[in-house]
Protein backbone atom coordinates (compact mmCIF):
# COMPACT_ATOMS: atom_id res chain seq x y z
CA MET A 1 0.00 0.00 0.00
CA PRO A 2 1.58 3.31 -1.06
CA GLY A 3 2.20 5.67 1.85
CA LEU A 4 1.83 3.01 4.54
CA SER A 5 5.35 3.44 5.93
CA GLU A 6 4.89 7.24 6.05
CA TRP A 7 1.52 6.86 7.78
CA LEU A 8 3.09 4.49 10.31
CA ALA A 9 5.88 7.02 10.94
CA VAL A 10 3.25 9.68 11.78
CA VAL A 11 1.38 7.24 14.04
CA ARG A 12 4.57 6.20 15.85
CA ALA A 13 5.60 9.83 16.34
CA TYR A 14 2.13 10.69 17.71
CA GLN A 15 2.11 7.68 20.04
CA THR A 16 5.61 8.45 21.30
CA CYS A 17 4.67 12.09 21.92
CA HIS A 18 1.50 11.03 23.73
CA LEU A 19 3.42 8.55 25.88
CA ALA A 20 6.06 11.19 26.71
CA MET A 21 3.32 13.68 27.66
CA SER A 22 1.54 11.04 29.74
CA ARG A 23 4.64 10.12 31.69
CA LYS A 24 5.81 13.70 32.22
CA LEU A 25 2.32 14.89 33.23
CA ALA A 26 2.03 11.98 35.69
CA GLU A 27 5.13 13.36 37.42
CA VAL A 28 3.13 16.50 38.29
CA GLY A 29 -0.07 14.59 39.12
CA LEU A 30 -2.01 14.97 35.87
CA THR A 31 -3.36 12.74 33.12
CA VAL A 32 -3.46 13.91 29.51
CA SER A 33 -7.27 14.17 29.68
CA GLN A 34 -7.14 16.25 32.84
CA TYR A 35 -4.51 18.52 31.32
CA ASP A 36 -6.55 18.99 28.12
CA LEU A 37 -9.60 19.91 30.19
CA LEU A 38 -7.71 22.34 32.44
CA MET A 39 -6.03 24.02 29.45
CA SER A 40 -9.36 24.40 27.66
CA LEU A 41 -10.73 26.16 30.73
CA LEU A 42 -7.57 28.22 31.15
CA LYS A 43 -8.04 29.49 27.60
CA ARG A 44 -11.75 30.15 28.12
CA ASP A 45 -13.14 29.76 31.61
CA GLY A 46 -16.85 29.30 32.21
CA GLN A 47 -17.65 26.77 29.49
CA THR A 48 -20.61 24.43 29.61
CA GLN A 49 -20.15 20.68 29.67
CA GLN A 50 -21.29 20.47 26.02
CA GLU A 51 -18.85 23.19 24.95
CA LEU A 52 -16.04 21.30 26.67
CA ALA A 53 -17.03 18.05 24.95
CA ASN A 54 -16.98 19.82 21.59
CA ARG A 55 -13.59 21.44 22.22
CA LEU A 56 -12.04 18.22 23.52
CA LEU A 57 -13.59 16.15 20.69
CA VAL A 58 -15.25 13.69 23.07
CA VAL A 59 -18.83 12.82 23.98
CA LYS A 60 -20.57 14.66 26.79
CA SER A 61 -20.68 11.58 29.05
CA ASN A 62 -16.86 11.28 28.94
CA VAL A 63 -16.55 14.92 29.98
CA SER A 64 -19.02 14.34 32.80
CA SER A 65 -16.93 11.63 34.45
CA LEU A 66 -13.73 13.62 33.89
CA LEU A 67 -15.33 16.69 35.48
CA SER A 68 -16.38 14.65 38.50
CA ARG A 69 -12.79 13.52 39.04
CA VAL A 70 -11.23 16.96 38.71
CA GLU A 71 -13.97 18.49 40.84
CA ARG A 72 -13.10 16.01 43.63
CA ASP A 73 -9.48 17.12 43.27
CA GLY A 74 -10.62 20.72 43.77
CA TRP A 75 -9.46 21.94 40.34
CA ILE A 76 -12.86 23.05 39.03
CA GLU A 77 -16.23 24.15 40.30
CA ARG A 78 -19.59 23.76 38.57
CA THR A 79 -22.35 26.30 38.91
CA THR A 80 -25.79 26.57 37.36
CA ASP A 81 -25.77 27.96 33.83
CA PRO A 82 -27.57 31.34 33.96
CA ASP A 83 -28.75 30.81 30.36
CA ASP A 84 -30.05 27.28 30.97
CA GLY A 85 -30.97 26.35 34.53
CA ARG A 86 -30.60 22.64 33.74
CA GLY A 87 -26.98 22.98 32.63
CA LYS A 88 -23.75 23.70 34.45
CA VAL A 89 -20.94 26.15 33.82
CA VAL A 90 -17.44 24.91 34.61
CA LYS A 91 -14.79 27.21 36.05
CA LEU A 92 -11.23 26.68 37.22
CA THR A 93 -10.34 27.10 40.86
CA ARG A 94 -7.04 28.64 41.95
CA SER A 95 -5.69 25.11 42.41
CA GLY A 96 -6.90 24.19 38.91
CA ARG A 97 -5.07 27.17 37.40
CA ARG A 98 -1.91 26.11 39.22
CA MET A 99 -2.22 22.55 37.87
CA ALA A 100 -2.86 23.84 34.34
CA ARG A 101 0.33 25.91 34.55
CA LYS A 102 2.31 22.87 35.76
CA GLY A 103 0.97 20.91 32.82
CA TRP A 104 1.85 23.74 30.44
CA GLN A 105 5.45 23.64 31.65
CA VAL A 106 5.53 19.90 30.93
CA GLN A 107 4.11 20.46 27.45
CA GLN A 108 6.75 23.08 26.71
CA VAL A 109 9.50 20.58 27.57
CA VAL A 110 7.98 17.84 25.39
CA VAL A 111 7.32 20.15 22.44
CA SER A 112 10.79 21.70 22.66
CA SER A 113 12.34 18.26 22.64
CA MET A 114 10.22 17.16 19.70
CA LEU A 115 10.73 20.28 17.59
CA GLY A 116 14.41 20.46 18.46
CA ALA A 117 14.89 17.52 16.09
CA LEU A 118 13.67 19.61 13.12
CA THR A 119 14.92 22.62 11.22
CA GLN A 120 12.67 25.68 10.83
CA ARG A 121 12.02 24.66 7.23
CA GLU A 122 11.07 21.10 8.25
CA MET A 123 8.72 22.44 10.93
CA ARG A 124 6.91 24.59 8.36
CA GLN A 125 6.66 21.64 5.96
CA VAL A 126 5.28 19.36 8.66
CA ALA A 127 2.75 21.99 9.75
CA ARG A 128 1.52 22.50 6.19
CA ALA A 129 1.30 18.75 5.57
CA MET A 130 -0.59 18.11 8.82
CA ASP A 131 -3.00 20.96 8.06
CA ARG A 132 -3.79 19.32 4.71
CA VAL A 133 -4.20 15.92 6.39
CA ARG A 134 -6.58 17.38 8.96
CA GLU A 135 -8.65 19.06 6.26
CA ALA A 136 -8.85 15.76 4.33
CA LEU A 137 -10.06 13.93 7.46
CA LEU A 138 -12.72 16.43 8.58
CA PRO A 139 -15.40 15.13 6.17
CA LEU A 140 -15.02 11.67 7.75
CA LEU A 141 -16.05 13.15 11.10
CA ASP A 142 -19.29 14.44 9.63
CA GLN A 143 -20.18 11.04 8.14
CA GLY A 144 -20.59 9.45 11.58
CA ARG A 145 -23.21 11.93 12.78
């Protein structure tokens, strides 16, 4: 199959990056899912559970269980959505902001290590190629709905 070895190289690089992030985040007490959630809220605090699910590309029920765990850890608080009394708005606590920043420091180390293996030109080429790949895959996401 043409392109299989290149596709496998991308998959291996992704998996290695994910494993490195997982291990480094675990050192500061975070999982990748928790970090993604905290960073989404750090970028835009006060999101609803559905907004978080959309941003994190997961179903609402997965976000619900994740929110319960991080709420128990004291990193978020949920309040009633003023626009929809049945829904909840999720906000970071001071402790949650601190954990998000710890995770961000980990991500900077992993990304620096990863990108340090490439020249500026190679980084631009990879970015353009991955943008095209993402665009080609987006229609597949719509087919499942």
